[in-house]
Amino acid sequence: MTQPTTKSTERRPSGIKQLDVVGVHEAKTHLSRLLERVEGGEQIEIARRGEVVARLVPATTDKVPVLGLDVGSMTVPENFDDPLPEELLAEFEK
């Protein structure tokens, strides 16, 4: 595979120092190799006529939230459902 012709100097996602930029033709020709690099954690930008139009990034896994981690760490006061004081309600009407 040919080396990327440029490095991106545009705004990048935080934590990414430099992204390889490849042209559309190179991306089409070497997509499997580029995907292997992305699977390894790299991010690669694809440019058309010198302008970045897409970014290959590793896919995120959909994590299932773990419920119940906060059990017992907070309490709801007994007066939680009581009506709000008139002066506080008036603030919402402004």
N, C-alpha and C. Protein backbone atom coordinates (compact mmCIF):
# COMPACT_ATOMS: atom_id res chain seq x y z
N MET A 1 0.85 -1.17 0.00
CA MET A 1 0.00 0.00 0.00
C MET A 1 0.89 1.23 0.00
N THR A 2 0.49 2.23 -0.74
CA THR A 2 1.27 3.46 -0.78
C THR A 2 1.08 4.22 0.51
N GLN A 3 2.08 5.01 0.85
CA GLN A 3 1.99 5.84 2.05
C GLN A 3 1.00 6.97 1.79
N PRO A 4 0.28 7.39 2.83
CA PRO A 4 -0.64 8.52 2.66
C PRO A 4 0.15 9.74 2.20
N THR A 5 -0.48 10.51 1.34
CA THR A 5 0.22 11.66 0.77
C THR A 5 0.22 12.86 1.71
N THR A 6 -0.73 12.92 2.63
CA THR A 6 -0.79 14.06 3.55
C THR A 6 -1.15 13.60 4.94
N LYS A 7 -0.96 14.47 5.86
CA LYS A 7 -1.43 14.28 7.23
C LYS A 7 -2.44 15.38 7.49
N SER A 8 -3.48 15.06 8.22
CA SER A 8 -4.51 16.05 8.50
C SER A 8 -3.99 17.06 9.53
N THR A 9 -4.19 18.33 9.22
CA THR A 9 -3.85 19.38 10.18
C THR A 9 -5.11 20.11 10.62
N GLU A 10 -6.27 19.62 10.19
CA GLU A 10 -7.53 20.24 10.57
C GLU A 10 -7.91 19.83 11.98
N ARG A 11 -9.04 20.35 12.46
CA ARG A 11 -9.54 20.00 13.78
C ARG A 11 -9.72 18.49 13.88
N ARG A 12 -9.23 17.90 14.95
CA ARG A 12 -9.29 16.46 15.14
C ARG A 12 -10.06 16.13 16.41
N PRO A 13 -10.53 14.89 16.53
CA PRO A 13 -11.16 14.49 17.79
C PRO A 13 -10.13 14.58 18.91
N SER A 14 -10.58 14.89 20.12
CA SER A 14 -9.65 15.01 21.23
C SER A 14 -8.89 13.71 21.43
N GLY A 15 -7.63 13.83 21.76
CA GLY A 15 -6.79 12.66 22.01
C GLY A 15 -6.12 12.11 20.77
N ILE A 16 -6.49 12.59 19.58
CA ILE A 16 -5.88 12.10 18.35
C ILE A 16 -4.85 13.12 17.90
N LYS A 17 -3.59 12.71 17.86
CA LYS A 17 -2.52 13.64 17.50
C LYS A 17 -2.48 13.89 16.00
N GLN A 18 -2.53 12.83 15.22
CA GLN A 18 -2.42 12.98 13.78
C GLN A 18 -3.17 11.83 13.11
N LEU A 19 -3.92 12.14 12.09
CA LEU A 19 -4.67 11.13 11.37
C LEU A 19 -4.06 10.96 9.99
N ASP A 20 -3.96 9.71 9.53
CA ASP A 20 -3.54 9.49 8.15
C ASP A 20 -4.68 9.90 7.24
N VAL A 21 -4.33 10.53 6.15
CA VAL A 21 -5.31 10.92 5.15
C VAL A 21 -5.00 10.17 3.87
N VAL A 22 -6.01 9.50 3.33
CA VAL A 22 -5.86 8.78 2.07
C VAL A 22 -6.89 9.31 1.09
N GLY A 23 -6.58 9.20 -0.18
CA GLY A 23 -7.52 9.61 -1.21
C GLY A 23 -8.59 8.55 -1.42
N VAL A 24 -9.65 8.94 -2.10
CA VAL A 24 -10.76 8.03 -2.37
C VAL A 24 -10.28 6.81 -3.14
N HIS A 25 -9.46 7.02 -4.17
CA HIS A 25 -8.97 5.89 -4.97
C HIS A 25 -8.19 4.91 -4.10
N GLU A 26 -7.29 5.43 -3.28
CA GLU A 26 -6.49 4.55 -2.40
C GLU A 26 -7.40 3.83 -1.40
N ALA A 27 -8.40 4.51 -0.88
CA ALA A 27 -9.32 3.89 0.08
C ALA A 27 -10.08 2.74 -0.58
N LYS A 28 -10.54 2.96 -1.83
CA LYS A 28 -11.24 1.90 -2.55
C LYS A 28 -10.33 0.72 -2.83
N THR A 29 -9.10 1.02 -3.22
CA THR A 29 -8.15 -0.03 -3.60
C THR A 29 -7.68 -0.84 -2.40
N HIS A 30 -7.51 -0.19 -1.26
CA HIS A 30 -6.91 -0.84 -0.09
C HIS A 30 -7.85 -0.86 1.11
N LEU A 31 -9.15 -0.95 0.88
CA LEU A 31 -10.11 -0.87 1.97
C LEU A 31 -9.86 -1.94 3.03
N SER A 32 -9.59 -3.17 2.64
CA SER A 32 -9.36 -4.23 3.62
C SER A 32 -8.18 -3.91 4.52
N ARG A 33 -7.11 -3.40 3.95
CA ARG A 33 -5.93 -3.04 4.75
C ARG A 33 -6.25 -1.87 5.69
N LEU A 34 -6.98 -0.90 5.18
CA LEU A 34 -7.35 0.24 6.01
C LEU A 34 -8.23 -0.21 7.18
N LEU A 35 -9.15 -1.13 6.91
CA LEU A 35 -10.01 -1.63 7.97
C LEU A 35 -9.21 -2.38 9.03
N GLU A 36 -8.18 -3.10 8.62
CA GLU A 36 -7.32 -3.79 9.60
C GLU A 36 -6.64 -2.77 10.51
N ARG A 37 -6.19 -1.67 9.93
CA ARG A 37 -5.55 -0.62 10.73
C ARG A 37 -6.55 0.00 11.70
N VAL A 38 -7.78 0.23 11.22
CA VAL A 38 -8.81 0.80 12.06
C VAL A 38 -9.16 -0.16 13.20
N GLU A 39 -9.22 -1.44 12.91
CA GLU A 39 -9.47 -2.43 13.96
C GLU A 39 -8.37 -2.38 15.02
N GLY A 40 -7.18 -1.98 14.62
CA GLY A 40 -6.07 -1.85 15.54
C GLY A 40 -6.10 -0.54 16.33
N GLY A 41 -7.12 0.27 16.11
CA GLY A 41 -7.28 1.49 16.89
C GLY A 41 -6.95 2.77 16.16
N GLU A 42 -6.46 2.69 14.94
CA GLU A 42 -6.14 3.91 14.18
C GLU A 42 -7.41 4.56 13.65
N GLN A 43 -7.29 5.84 13.33
CA GLN A 43 -8.35 6.55 12.64
C GLN A 43 -7.77 7.07 11.33
N ILE A 44 -8.51 6.93 10.26
CA ILE A 44 -8.03 7.29 8.94
C ILE A 44 -9.07 8.19 8.27
N GLU A 45 -8.60 9.30 7.72
CA GLU A 45 -9.49 10.20 7.01
C GLU A 45 -9.40 9.94 5.51
N ILE A 46 -10.52 10.11 4.83
CA ILE A 46 -10.58 9.92 3.38
C ILE A 46 -10.87 11.28 2.76
N ALA A 47 -10.03 11.64 1.79
CA ALA A 47 -10.16 12.95 1.15
C ALA A 47 -10.53 12.81 -0.32
N ARG A 48 -11.33 13.75 -0.78
CA ARG A 48 -11.66 13.84 -2.20
C ARG A 48 -11.14 15.21 -2.67
N ARG A 49 -10.25 15.18 -3.64
CA ARG A 49 -9.63 16.40 -4.17
C ARG A 49 -9.03 17.26 -3.06
N GLY A 50 -8.38 16.57 -2.10
CA GLY A 50 -7.68 17.27 -1.03
C GLY A 50 -8.53 17.70 0.15
N GLU A 51 -9.84 17.50 0.09
CA GLU A 51 -10.72 17.89 1.19
C GLU A 51 -11.23 16.64 1.90
N VAL A 52 -11.04 16.57 3.21
CA VAL A 52 -11.48 15.42 3.98
C VAL A 52 -13.01 15.35 3.95
N VAL A 53 -13.52 14.17 3.57
CA VAL A 53 -14.97 13.99 3.47
C VAL A 53 -15.49 12.88 4.37
N ALA A 54 -14.58 12.05 4.91
CA ALA A 54 -15.03 10.94 5.76
C ALA A 54 -13.91 10.54 6.70
N ARG A 55 -14.29 9.84 7.75
CA ARG A 55 -13.30 9.34 8.71
C ARG A 55 -13.65 7.90 9.05
N LEU A 56 -12.66 7.01 8.94
CA LEU A 56 -12.82 5.63 9.38
C LEU A 56 -12.36 5.56 10.83
N VAL A 57 -13.24 5.13 11.71
CA VAL A 57 -12.92 5.03 13.13
C VAL A 57 -13.35 3.66 13.64
N PRO A 58 -12.71 3.17 14.70
CA PRO A 58 -13.15 1.89 15.26
C PRO A 58 -14.60 1.97 15.72
N ALA A 59 -15.34 0.91 15.49
CA ALA A 59 -16.73 0.86 15.93
C ALA A 59 -16.77 0.73 17.44
N THR A 60 -17.73 1.39 18.06
CA THR A 60 -17.89 1.24 19.50
C THR A 60 -18.83 0.09 19.77
N THR A 61 -18.61 -0.55 20.88
CA THR A 61 -19.52 -1.62 21.26
C THR A 61 -20.64 -1.02 22.08
N ASP A 62 -21.83 -1.50 21.85
CA ASP A 62 -22.97 -1.02 22.61
C ASP A 62 -22.96 -1.71 23.96
N LYS A 63 -22.62 -0.94 25.00
CA LYS A 63 -22.57 -1.50 26.34
C LYS A 63 -23.95 -1.42 26.97
N VAL A 64 -24.34 -2.49 27.60
CA VAL A 64 -25.61 -2.53 28.30
C VAL A 64 -25.38 -1.89 29.67
N PRO A 65 -26.19 -0.90 30.03
CA PRO A 65 -25.99 -0.25 31.33
C PRO A 65 -26.25 -1.23 32.47
N VAL A 66 -25.44 -1.10 33.50
CA VAL A 66 -25.61 -1.92 34.69
C VAL A 66 -26.51 -1.15 35.65
N LEU A 67 -27.65 -1.73 35.95
CA LEU A 67 -28.61 -1.06 36.82
C LEU A 67 -28.35 -1.43 38.27
N GLY A 68 -28.69 -0.51 39.16
CA GLY A 68 -28.63 -0.80 40.59
C GLY A 68 -27.33 -0.44 41.26
N LEU A 69 -26.40 0.20 40.56
CA LEU A 69 -25.12 0.54 41.18
C LEU A 69 -25.26 1.61 42.25
N ASP A 70 -26.32 2.42 42.18
CA ASP A 70 -26.51 3.52 43.13
C ASP A 70 -27.47 3.18 44.26
N VAL A 71 -27.91 1.93 44.33
CA VAL A 71 -28.88 1.56 45.36
C VAL A 71 -28.34 1.92 46.74
N GLY A 72 -29.17 2.66 47.49
CA GLY A 72 -28.80 3.03 48.84
C GLY A 72 -27.94 4.28 48.95
N SER A 73 -27.51 4.86 47.83
CA SER A 73 -26.62 6.02 47.90
C SER A 73 -27.37 7.34 47.96
N MET A 74 -28.68 7.32 47.78
CA MET A 74 -29.45 8.56 47.87
C MET A 74 -30.82 8.26 48.46
N THR A 75 -31.41 9.29 49.01
CA THR A 75 -32.75 9.13 49.59
C THR A 75 -33.66 10.23 49.04
N VAL A 76 -34.93 9.92 48.97
CA VAL A 76 -35.93 10.88 48.53
C VAL A 76 -36.63 11.39 49.78
N PRO A 77 -36.64 12.70 49.99
CA PRO A 77 -37.28 13.23 51.20
C PRO A 77 -38.78 12.96 51.20
N GLU A 78 -39.34 12.89 52.41
CA GLU A 78 -40.77 12.61 52.56
C GLU A 78 -41.65 13.65 51.88
N ASN A 79 -41.19 14.91 51.83
CA ASN A 79 -42.01 15.98 51.26
C ASN A 79 -41.74 16.19 49.76
N PHE A 80 -41.16 15.23 49.10
CA PHE A 80 -40.80 15.34 47.68
C PHE A 80 -42.00 15.71 46.80
N ASP A 81 -43.15 15.14 47.07
CA ASP A 81 -44.35 15.37 46.24
C ASP A 81 -45.20 16.53 46.72
N ASP A 82 -44.78 17.22 47.77
CA ASP A 82 -45.56 18.36 48.28
C ASP A 82 -45.56 19.49 47.24
N PRO A 83 -46.62 20.32 47.26
CA PRO A 83 -46.65 21.46 46.33
C PRO A 83 -45.48 22.41 46.60
N LEU A 84 -45.01 23.06 45.55
CA LEU A 84 -43.92 24.03 45.69
C LEU A 84 -44.44 25.32 46.29
N PRO A 85 -43.58 26.06 47.01
CA PRO A 85 -44.00 27.35 47.56
C PRO A 85 -44.39 28.32 46.43
N GLU A 86 -45.33 29.21 46.71
CA GLU A 86 -45.83 30.15 45.72
C GLU A 86 -44.71 30.99 45.10
N GLU A 87 -43.75 31.46 45.94
CA GLU A 87 -42.67 32.31 45.41
C GLU A 87 -41.79 31.54 44.41
N LEU A 88 -41.61 30.25 44.62
CA LEU A 88 -40.83 29.45 43.67
C LEU A 88 -41.63 29.22 42.39
N LEU A 89 -42.91 28.95 42.51
CA LEU A 89 -43.76 28.79 41.32
C LEU A 89 -43.78 30.06 40.48
N ALA A 90 -43.78 31.22 41.14
CA ALA A 90 -43.78 32.49 40.42
C ALA A 90 -42.51 32.65 39.57
N GLU A 91 -41.40 32.11 40.02
CA GLU A 91 -40.16 32.18 39.25
C GLU A 91 -40.29 31.43 37.91
N PHE A 92 -41.05 30.36 37.89
CA PHE A 92 -41.24 29.59 36.65
C PHE A 92 -42.12 30.35 35.65
N GLU A 93 -42.93 31.26 36.14
CA GLU A 93 -43.85 32.00 35.29
C GLU A 93 -43.18 33.19 34.60
N LYS A 94 -42.00 33.56 35.01
CA LYS A 94 -41.31 34.73 34.42
C LYS A 94 -40.88 34.47 33.01
